[in-house]
Amino acid sequence: MSAARLPLAFGAGCRIRPWAPARDAADLLRHADNPNVPRFLSTRFPHPYTAADAQAWFDFVAVQAPATNWAIEVDGAAAGGIGLRLGRDEFAHSAELGYWLGEAHWGRGIVSAAVAALLPWAEQSFGLRRVAAYVATGNPASLRVLEKNGFQREGLLRMRAIRDGIAQDHVALARIR
């Protein structure tokens, strides 16, 4: 593991830290239940977002070994999430990055800074040589987050997802170390 440890501080009043169910449940529900938040996310992120969904999430992260999903904290409260899906076997050197942030915090550079803080730590901690991400073409803000952090476009995946009956093309991006 790297010398740096979680939580990882970034920006003014922001950090990446483990989820804490008792502390984070109300904030998670408040931010995640906004219909604008999951618009470009996987359907694994439900809407509406209920207390049962929050509990299922906390149960999931509680048994992760190693932990690969964390809260993005802004001014002392959970405001979003960031995580990795680690590859296995011959893909063990790679991971897929995902993140979301409550709409009240959009447009402040928080996710760009969170990605910048997390990736060096994750690359060292998990021995990653490649981190990939997939972004719906209708989500230019997320494309900017990744490109600011050294991700390069690798291609367009047509009709990669169908969300709410609407087909979405995704841009495939990766950062290589």
Protein backbone atom coordinates (compact mmCIF):
# COMPACT_ATOMS: atom_id res chain seq x y z
CA MET A 1 0.00 0.00 0.00
CA SER A 2 1.05 3.57 -0.56
CA ALA A 3 2.36 5.85 2.16
CA ALA A 4 -0.71 8.09 1.72
CA ARG A 5 -3.80 6.89 3.58
CA LEU A 6 -7.47 7.65 3.49
CA PRO A 7 -8.95 10.10 4.04
CA LEU A 8 -7.39 12.05 1.19
CA ALA A 9 -7.83 15.81 1.54
CA PHE A 10 -8.26 17.92 -1.57
CA GLY A 11 -9.42 21.50 -2.06
CA ALA A 12 -10.93 23.61 0.67
CA GLY A 13 -13.08 21.52 2.98
CA CYS A 14 -13.10 18.43 0.73
CA ARG A 15 -11.85 14.91 1.24
CA ILE A 16 -12.29 11.31 0.10
CA ARG A 17 -13.07 9.00 2.99
CA PRO A 18 -14.80 5.72 3.80
CA TRP A 19 -18.58 5.74 3.92
CA ALA A 20 -20.00 5.95 7.46
CA PRO A 21 -23.64 4.74 7.46
CA ALA A 22 -24.80 6.41 10.68
CA ARG A 23 -23.23 9.70 9.66
CA ASP A 24 -23.91 9.62 5.91
CA ALA A 25 -27.40 8.13 5.48
CA ALA A 26 -29.36 11.40 5.43
CA ASP A 27 -26.83 13.14 3.15
CA LEU A 28 -26.73 10.18 0.77
CA LEU A 29 -30.52 10.15 0.49
CA ARG A 30 -30.72 13.92 0.03
CA HIS A 31 -28.19 14.01 -2.81
CA ALA A 32 -28.85 10.66 -4.48
CA ASP A 33 -32.62 11.03 -4.73
CA ASN A 34 -32.33 14.01 -7.09
CA PRO A 35 -33.42 12.82 -10.59
CA ASN A 36 -30.61 14.83 -12.22
CA VAL A 37 -27.91 12.85 -10.41
CA PRO A 38 -28.44 9.37 -11.93
CA ARG A 39 -29.27 10.65 -15.42
CA PHE A 40 -25.92 9.51 -16.87
CA LEU A 41 -25.10 6.80 -14.32
CA SER A 42 -25.61 3.05 -14.48
CA THR A 43 -29.05 1.79 -13.53
CA ARG A 44 -27.28 0.17 -10.57
CA PHE A 45 -27.75 3.70 -9.15
CA PRO A 46 -31.53 3.65 -8.66
CA HIS A 47 -34.08 6.40 -8.92
CA PRO A 48 -35.99 7.12 -6.85
CA TYR A 49 -33.28 6.51 -4.26
CA THR A 50 -34.79 5.14 -1.05
CA ALA A 51 -33.61 4.40 2.48
CA ALA A 52 -33.53 0.72 1.48
CA ASP A 53 -31.21 1.60 -1.44
CA ALA A 54 -28.92 3.50 0.94
CA GLN A 55 -28.85 0.55 3.34
CA ALA A 56 -28.07 -1.86 0.48
CA TRP A 57 -25.20 0.44 -0.54
CA PHE A 58 -23.80 0.58 2.98
CA ASP A 59 -24.09 -3.21 3.28
CA PHE A 60 -22.20 -3.57 -0.04
CA VAL A 61 -19.31 -1.27 0.89
CA ALA A 62 -19.04 -2.77 4.39
CA VAL A 63 -17.89 -6.13 3.00
CA GLN A 64 -15.62 -4.88 0.22
CA ALA A 65 -12.09 -6.18 0.59
CA PRO A 66 -10.23 -4.18 -0.39
CA ALA A 67 -12.43 -1.11 -0.09
CA THR A 68 -12.87 0.52 -3.51
CA ASN A 69 -15.81 2.90 -2.99
CA TRP A 70 -15.62 6.06 -0.91
CA ALA A 71 -17.59 9.15 0.01
CA ILE A 72 -16.73 12.55 -1.39
CA GLU A 73 -17.08 14.85 1.60
CA VAL A 74 -17.69 18.58 1.20
CA ASP A 75 -17.69 20.83 4.26
CA GLY A 76 -18.04 17.90 6.64
CA ALA A 77 -20.91 16.09 4.89
CA ALA A 78 -21.08 13.33 2.28
CA ALA A 79 -21.91 14.96 -1.05
CA GLY A 80 -21.18 12.18 -3.53
CA GLY A 81 -19.17 9.08 -4.20
CA ILE A 82 -16.11 7.90 -6.06
CA GLY A 83 -14.94 4.38 -6.66
CA LEU A 84 -13.07 1.82 -8.69
CA ARG A 85 -14.04 -1.52 -10.13
CA LEU A 86 -10.77 -3.46 -10.01
CA GLY A 87 -9.87 -5.85 -12.81
CA ARG A 88 -9.04 -9.47 -12.05
CA ASP A 89 -6.69 -12.08 -13.45
CA GLU A 90 -4.92 -10.75 -16.57
CA PHE A 91 -6.79 -7.44 -16.04
CA ALA A 92 -5.53 -6.99 -12.47
CA HIS A 93 -3.44 -4.00 -13.54
CA SER A 94 -6.55 -2.08 -14.58
CA ALA A 95 -9.69 -0.58 -13.07
CA GLU A 96 -12.80 1.32 -14.09
CA LEU A 97 -13.44 4.67 -12.40
CA GLY A 98 -16.86 5.99 -11.48
CA TYR A 99 -18.10 8.99 -9.53
CA TRP A 100 -21.12 11.13 -8.80
CA LEU A 101 -21.78 14.35 -6.92
CA GLY A 102 -24.90 15.98 -5.52
CA GLU A 103 -26.27 18.70 -7.79
CA ALA A 104 -25.86 21.38 -5.10
CA HIS A 105 -22.09 21.03 -5.58
CA TRP A 106 -21.87 20.90 -9.39
CA GLY A 107 -19.69 23.36 -11.29
CA ARG A 108 -17.15 23.91 -8.51
CA GLY A 109 -14.38 21.59 -9.72
CA ILE A 110 -14.91 19.19 -6.80
CA VAL A 111 -14.99 15.99 -8.86
CA SER A 112 -11.96 17.05 -10.94
CA ALA A 113 -10.04 17.62 -7.72
CA ALA A 114 -11.30 14.33 -6.21
CA VAL A 115 -10.15 12.36 -9.26
CA ALA A 116 -6.78 14.15 -9.14
CA ALA A 117 -6.39 13.20 -5.46
CA LEU A 118 -7.58 9.61 -5.77
CA LEU A 119 -5.77 8.37 -8.87
CA PRO A 120 -2.12 8.60 -7.75
CA TRP A 121 -3.04 6.93 -4.46
CA ALA A 122 -5.09 4.21 -6.20
CA GLU A 123 -2.46 3.58 -8.87
CA GLN A 124 0.16 2.99 -6.21
CA SER A 125 -2.10 1.19 -3.71
CA PHE A 126 -3.57 -1.26 -6.22
CA GLY A 127 -0.67 -1.46 -8.69
CA LEU A 128 -2.80 0.03 -11.47
CA ARG A 129 -1.30 0.75 -14.87
CA ARG A 130 -4.61 1.59 -16.58
CA VAL A 131 -7.76 3.31 -15.33
CA ALA A 132 -10.70 3.45 -17.73
CA ALA A 133 -13.95 5.39 -17.64
CA TYR A 134 -17.03 5.55 -19.83
CA VAL A 135 -19.04 8.74 -20.25
CA ALA A 136 -22.37 9.29 -22.00
CA THR A 137 -21.95 11.69 -24.91
CA GLY A 138 -24.60 13.96 -23.39
CA ASN A 139 -22.41 14.56 -20.32
CA PRO A 140 -19.66 17.01 -21.37
CA ALA A 141 -18.90 18.01 -17.77
CA SER A 142 -17.76 14.46 -16.96
CA LEU A 143 -15.66 14.34 -20.13
CA ARG A 144 -13.90 17.53 -18.97
CA VAL A 145 -13.25 16.01 -15.52
CA LEU A 146 -11.47 13.05 -17.07
CA GLU A 147 -9.54 14.98 -19.72
CA LYS A 148 -8.28 17.42 -17.04
CA ASN A 149 -6.90 14.36 -15.24
CA GLY A 150 -4.93 12.91 -18.13
CA PHE A 151 -7.53 10.56 -19.60
CA GLN A 152 -7.42 10.18 -23.36
CA ARG A 153 -10.32 9.27 -25.60
CA GLU A 154 -10.04 5.77 -27.00
CA GLY A 155 -13.26 5.49 -28.94
CA LEU A 156 -17.02 5.76 -29.15
CA LEU A 157 -19.17 2.87 -27.96
CA ARG A 158 -22.44 3.25 -29.80
CA MET A 159 -25.63 2.28 -27.94
CA ARG A 160 -23.58 1.08 -24.99
CA ALA A 161 -26.40 1.72 -22.53
CA ILE A 162 -30.14 2.15 -22.48
CA ARG A 163 -31.39 4.28 -19.60
CA ASP A 164 -35.10 5.02 -19.23
CA GLY A 165 -35.68 3.64 -22.72
CA ILE A 166 -33.15 5.99 -24.33
CA ALA A 167 -30.04 4.60 -26.01
CA GLN A 168 -26.80 6.28 -24.94
CA ASP A 169 -23.51 6.34 -26.79
CA HIS A 170 -20.48 6.41 -24.48
CA VAL A 171 -16.99 7.78 -24.96
CA ALA A 172 -14.33 5.33 -23.77
CA LEU A 173 -11.39 7.02 -22.04
CA ALA A 174 -8.33 5.75 -20.24
CA ARG A 175 -5.37 7.01 -18.27
CA ILE A 176 -2.23 4.92 -18.64
CA ARG A 177 0.63 4.96 -16.15
